[in-house]
Amino acid sequence: MNVITVCNRKGGMGKSTTVVNLARQWALQGKKVLVIDLDSQGHATLGLLGTKYLTSPQLGIHSILSRANSVIEPHILATDFEQLSVLPADLNFNESDLTADITRLRELLRGLPQYDFDLVVIDTPPSLSNALLSALVCSQWVLIPFIPHALSLNGIMQLSELFKDIATKHNPTLKLMGLLPVMEDRHIRLQNRVINTLSNRFGSHKLLRGIRTNIRLAEAFEQGSPIQDYSPNCRGAMDYHMLAHDLDLVIH
């Protein structure tokens, strides 16, 4: 079971969209995928379950982590999409109340039957918190979506230092899966400069092919639908299809 944390800083743009659409693409390829929504804004939860979830929210991952002797399996919800499940966020949970034990999520995931899921994809809050640290401690991989502008550079550099610290103290298997430009437009010179700077810093092999600017992605998220179901022939759907293929090569 491969566990992938999707994270970024400076506003979190593109993070939950990537979690929803990447998880859906992998499920379409026949993989059993679990999304864990550690961002209490609940965007990935709503992106997979729709706004109907707001009328009858379930016990979410934040509460589960904060309770002794809890397990996660009974709280995993099926989505309308075959092979794709979600462990929802506790909407509006105060993340300062989350357990200080950042190894708790790792222990809970170890309690899942080994072959229940091929992939676990974790959405995280765009802030340095115990939720983010918990995700990094239990993951093999980190994926960083970013909009190519100057603020993203600072956020990625901060995260890289955090990864090193977590890998040294808690999780030596943690690796950077890649940096993912989102809302990408290669006609914008500033974006190209930022991408080139990151390529020089981390190596060109860590810069993934980008997710191009596409209004269909925003429309799909508003409708509570992955892009593959909302507009399967648009370039946003094509970009996530290619991304899933590229990341499969990284994992294997």
Protein backbone atom coordinates (compact mmCIF):
# COMPACT_ATOMS: atom_id res chain seq x y z
CA MET A 1 0.00 0.00 0.00
CA ASN A 2 1.62 3.24 -1.16
CA VAL A 3 0.78 6.33 0.88
CA ILE A 4 1.10 9.71 -0.86
CA THR A 5 0.81 13.07 0.89
CA VAL A 6 -0.26 16.00 -1.28
CA CYS A 7 0.72 19.30 0.29
CA ASN A 8 1.69 22.87 -0.35
CA ARG A 9 1.88 26.25 1.38
CA LYS A 10 0.87 29.83 0.62
CA GLY A 11 -2.86 29.36 0.13
CA GLY A 12 -3.04 25.72 -0.91
CA MET A 13 -4.08 26.35 -4.51
CA GLY A 14 -4.51 23.24 -6.66
CA LYS A 15 -3.98 20.80 -3.80
CA SER A 16 -7.47 19.39 -3.27
CA THR A 17 -8.23 19.50 -6.99
CA THR A 18 -5.16 17.34 -7.56
CA VAL A 19 -6.12 14.90 -4.79
CA VAL A 20 -9.64 14.39 -6.19
CA ASN A 21 -8.70 14.08 -9.85
CA LEU A 22 -5.57 12.02 -9.37
CA ALA A 23 -7.39 9.59 -7.07
CA ARG A 24 -10.24 9.27 -9.55
CA GLN A 25 -7.83 8.65 -12.44
CA TRP A 26 -6.06 5.89 -10.52
CA ALA A 27 -9.43 4.33 -9.66
CA LEU A 28 -10.37 4.36 -13.34
CA GLN A 29 -7.19 2.41 -13.99
CA GLY A 30 -8.39 -0.33 -11.64
CA LYS A 31 -6.52 0.63 -8.49
CA LYS A 32 -8.30 0.64 -5.12
CA VAL A 33 -7.81 4.14 -3.75
CA LEU A 34 -8.52 5.73 -0.37
CA VAL A 35 -8.51 9.52 0.02
CA ILE A 36 -7.89 10.80 3.54
CA ASP A 37 -8.95 14.42 3.98
CA LEU A 38 -6.79 15.94 6.71
CA ASP A 39 -7.66 19.50 5.64
CA SER A 40 -10.53 20.59 7.90
CA GLN A 41 -11.83 22.83 5.10
CA GLY A 42 -13.01 19.52 3.64
CA HIS A 43 -12.51 20.40 -0.02
CA ALA A 44 -11.48 16.88 -1.05
CA THR A 45 -14.42 15.43 0.91
CA LEU A 46 -16.87 17.71 -0.87
CA GLY A 47 -15.13 17.13 -4.20
CA LEU A 48 -15.82 13.40 -3.92
CA LEU A 49 -19.08 13.26 -1.97
CA GLY A 50 -20.70 16.49 -3.15
CA THR A 51 -22.50 19.08 -1.05
CA LYS A 52 -25.03 16.46 0.05
CA TYR A 53 -22.41 15.44 2.59
CA LEU A 54 -23.07 18.72 4.41
CA THR A 55 -26.59 17.57 5.34
CA SER A 56 -25.38 14.46 7.18
CA PRO A 57 -21.66 14.70 7.98
CA GLN A 58 -20.00 11.63 9.48
CA LEU A 59 -17.32 11.23 12.11
CA GLY A 60 -14.13 12.35 10.36
CA ILE A 61 -10.45 11.68 10.50
CA HIS A 62 -9.66 14.57 12.87
CA SER A 63 -11.95 13.21 15.58
CA ILE A 64 -10.72 9.67 14.99
CA LEU A 65 -7.11 10.76 15.48
CA SER A 66 -8.03 12.54 18.71
CA ARG A 67 -9.79 9.55 20.30
CA ALA A 68 -8.04 6.78 22.13
CA ASN A 69 -8.52 3.19 20.91
CA SER A 70 -10.22 4.32 17.69
CA VAL A 71 -9.96 2.60 14.30
CA ILE A 72 -10.50 4.06 10.86
CA GLU A 73 -12.02 1.22 8.87
CA PRO A 74 -15.68 1.70 10.03
CA HIS A 75 -15.55 5.38 9.09
CA ILE A 76 -14.37 4.98 5.49
CA LEU A 77 -17.14 6.03 3.09
CA ALA A 78 -17.76 4.72 -0.40
CA THR A 79 -18.08 7.32 -3.14
CA ASP A 80 -20.20 7.10 -6.27
CA PHE A 81 -17.03 6.11 -8.11
CA GLU A 82 -15.98 2.47 -8.24
CA GLN A 83 -12.74 1.61 -6.44
CA LEU A 84 -12.61 5.04 -4.74
CA SER A 85 -13.31 5.63 -1.03
CA VAL A 86 -12.84 8.59 1.30
CA LEU A 87 -12.13 9.09 4.98
CA PRO A 88 -13.73 12.51 5.34
CA ALA A 89 -12.60 15.60 7.16
CA ASP A 90 -14.30 16.91 10.26
CA LEU A 91 -15.50 20.15 8.74
CA ASN A 92 -14.50 23.24 10.72
CA PHE A 93 -12.47 21.17 13.17
CA ASN A 94 -10.07 23.31 15.18
CA GLU A 95 -6.74 21.83 14.15
CA SER A 96 -5.10 23.14 17.32
CA ASP A 97 -7.17 20.48 19.12
CA LEU A 98 -5.65 17.64 17.10
CA THR A 99 -3.61 15.07 18.98
CA ALA A 100 0.04 15.98 19.43
CA ASP A 101 1.05 12.39 18.63
CA ILE A 102 2.12 12.66 15.00
CA THR A 103 2.66 8.88 14.74
CA ARG A 104 -1.03 8.14 15.42
CA LEU A 105 -2.16 8.12 11.78
CA ARG A 106 0.67 5.76 10.83
CA GLU A 107 -0.48 3.34 13.53
CA LEU A 108 -4.09 3.52 12.35
CA LEU A 109 -3.14 2.85 8.72
CA ARG A 110 -1.10 -0.15 9.80
CA GLY A 111 -4.34 -1.50 11.26
CA LEU A 112 -5.95 -1.63 7.82
CA PRO A 113 -5.82 -5.00 6.04
CA GLN A 114 -2.77 -4.79 3.77
CA TYR A 115 -4.64 -5.36 0.51
CA ASP A 116 -7.72 -3.21 1.16
CA PHE A 117 -6.18 -0.37 -0.85
CA ASP A 118 -3.44 -0.04 -3.45
CA LEU A 119 -2.99 3.68 -2.84
CA VAL A 120 -3.79 6.11 -0.04
CA VAL A 121 -3.80 9.78 -1.07
CA ILE A 122 -3.78 12.32 1.79
CA ASP A 123 -4.96 15.91 1.44
CA THR A 124 -3.38 18.23 4.02
CA PRO A 125 -3.96 21.75 5.34
CA PRO A 126 -1.83 24.49 3.74
CA SER A 127 -0.21 25.29 7.08
CA LEU A 128 2.42 23.80 9.34
CA SER A 129 0.29 21.73 11.72
CA ASN A 130 0.11 18.36 13.42
CA ALA A 131 -2.16 17.22 10.59
CA LEU A 132 0.56 17.85 8.01
CA LEU A 133 3.24 16.28 10.20
CA SER A 134 1.05 13.21 10.78
CA ALA A 135 0.64 12.77 7.03
CA LEU A 136 4.37 13.03 6.37
CA VAL A 137 5.22 10.53 9.09
CA CYS A 138 3.02 7.83 7.53
CA SER A 139 3.80 8.42 3.84
CA GLN A 140 6.34 7.05 1.40
CA TRP A 141 5.81 9.88 -1.07
CA VAL A 142 5.19 13.63 -1.14
CA LEU A 143 3.60 15.42 -4.10
CA ILE A 144 3.65 19.23 -4.17
CA PRO A 145 1.24 21.06 -6.50
CA PHE A 146 2.13 24.72 -6.91
CA ILE A 147 1.17 27.74 -8.98
CA PRO A 148 4.40 28.96 -10.59
CA HIS A 149 4.87 32.34 -8.93
CA ALA A 150 7.41 33.82 -6.51
CA LEU A 151 5.50 32.98 -3.32
CA SER A 152 5.46 29.31 -4.31
CA LEU A 153 9.27 29.27 -4.27
CA ASN A 154 9.35 30.28 -0.61
CA GLY A 155 6.69 27.75 0.34
CA ILE A 156 8.43 24.86 -1.43
CA MET A 157 11.77 25.69 0.17
CA GLN A 158 10.12 25.70 3.60
CA LEU A 159 8.50 22.34 2.90
CA SER A 160 11.79 20.83 1.71
CA GLU A 161 13.38 21.64 5.07
CA LEU A 162 10.41 20.11 6.85
CA PHE A 163 10.71 16.91 4.78
CA LYS A 164 14.36 16.57 5.72
CA ASP A 165 13.51 16.94 9.39
CA ILE A 166 10.71 14.35 9.25
CA ALA A 167 12.85 11.92 7.24
CA THR A 168 15.69 12.24 9.75
CA LYS A 169 13.62 11.91 12.92
CA HIS A 170 10.53 9.87 12.05
CA ASN A 171 10.31 8.45 8.53
CA PRO A 172 13.47 7.54 6.62
CA THR A 173 11.41 6.13 3.72
CA LEU A 174 9.91 9.55 2.88
CA LYS A 175 10.73 10.70 -0.67
CA LEU A 176 9.76 13.62 -2.88
CA MET A 177 7.54 12.26 -5.65
CA GLY A 178 7.63 15.48 -7.61
CA LEU A 179 6.75 19.15 -7.99
CA LEU A 180 3.56 19.68 -9.98
CA PRO A 181 2.90 23.03 -11.70
CA VAL A 182 -0.85 23.76 -11.73
CA MET A 183 -2.73 26.51 -13.54
CA GLU A 184 0.27 26.38 -15.84
CA ASP A 185 0.65 28.69 -18.83
CA ARG A 186 4.06 28.47 -20.47
CA HIS A 187 3.38 31.72 -22.33
CA ILE A 188 3.89 33.57 -19.03
CA ARG A 189 7.58 34.32 -18.58
CA LEU A 190 7.34 34.56 -14.79
CA GLN A 191 6.02 31.00 -14.63
CA ASN A 192 8.89 29.77 -16.76
CA ARG A 193 11.44 31.50 -14.51
CA VAL A 194 9.94 29.94 -11.38
CA ILE A 195 9.84 26.47 -12.94
CA ASN A 196 13.43 26.79 -14.15
CA THR A 197 14.56 27.90 -10.68
CA LEU A 198 12.93 24.85 -9.08
CA SER A 199 14.37 22.59 -11.75
CA ASN A 200 17.86 23.83 -10.93
CA ARG A 201 17.25 23.46 -7.19
CA PHE A 202 15.63 20.00 -7.11
CA GLY A 203 16.65 18.50 -10.47
CA SER A 204 14.66 18.43 -13.70
CA HIS A 205 13.50 14.86 -12.95
CA LYS A 206 11.47 16.19 -10.00
CA LEU A 207 9.53 18.69 -12.14
CA LEU A 208 6.41 16.94 -13.42
CA ARG A 209 4.52 17.84 -16.57
CA GLY A 210 2.07 20.53 -15.52
CA ILE A 211 -1.70 20.81 -15.21
CA ARG A 212 -2.64 23.49 -17.68
CA THR A 213 -5.06 26.31 -16.91
CA ASN A 214 -8.54 24.98 -17.65
CA ILE A 215 -11.82 26.46 -16.41
CA ARG A 216 -13.40 23.00 -16.61
CA LEU A 217 -11.38 21.95 -13.56
CA ALA A 218 -12.92 24.70 -11.45
CA GLU A 219 -16.39 23.94 -12.81
CA ALA A 220 -16.03 20.25 -11.99
CA PHE A 221 -14.97 20.95 -8.43
CA GLU A 222 -17.93 23.31 -7.97
CA GLN A 223 -20.23 20.47 -9.06
CA GLY A 224 -18.62 17.99 -6.67
CA SER A 225 -17.36 15.88 -9.55
CA PRO A 226 -13.91 14.71 -10.68
CA ILE A 227 -12.92 16.14 -14.03
CA GLN A 228 -12.97 12.68 -15.64
CA ASP A 229 -16.74 12.50 -15.10
CA TYR A 230 -17.60 16.15 -15.61
CA SER A 231 -15.69 16.75 -18.84
CA PRO A 232 -13.72 13.63 -19.82
CA ASN A 233 -12.45 15.03 -23.11
CA CYS A 234 -11.12 18.36 -21.84
CA ARG A 235 -7.42 19.07 -21.48
CA GLY A 236 -7.70 19.03 -17.68
CA ALA A 237 -8.83 15.39 -17.80
CA MET A 238 -6.03 14.63 -20.26
CA ASP A 239 -3.44 16.27 -17.99
CA TYR A 240 -4.47 14.22 -14.95
CA HIS A 241 -4.50 11.06 -17.06
CA MET A 242 -0.90 11.71 -18.07
CA LEU A 243 0.07 12.68 -14.52
CA ALA A 244 -1.22 9.38 -13.12
CA HIS A 245 0.81 7.52 -15.77
CA ASP A 246 3.96 9.46 -14.93
CA LEU A 247 3.57 8.90 -11.18
CA ASP A 248 3.00 5.17 -11.72
CA LEU A 249 6.50 5.09 -13.19
CA VAL A 250 7.88 6.88 -10.13
CA ILE A 251 6.20 4.50 -7.69
CA HIS A 252 7.25 1.37 -9.53
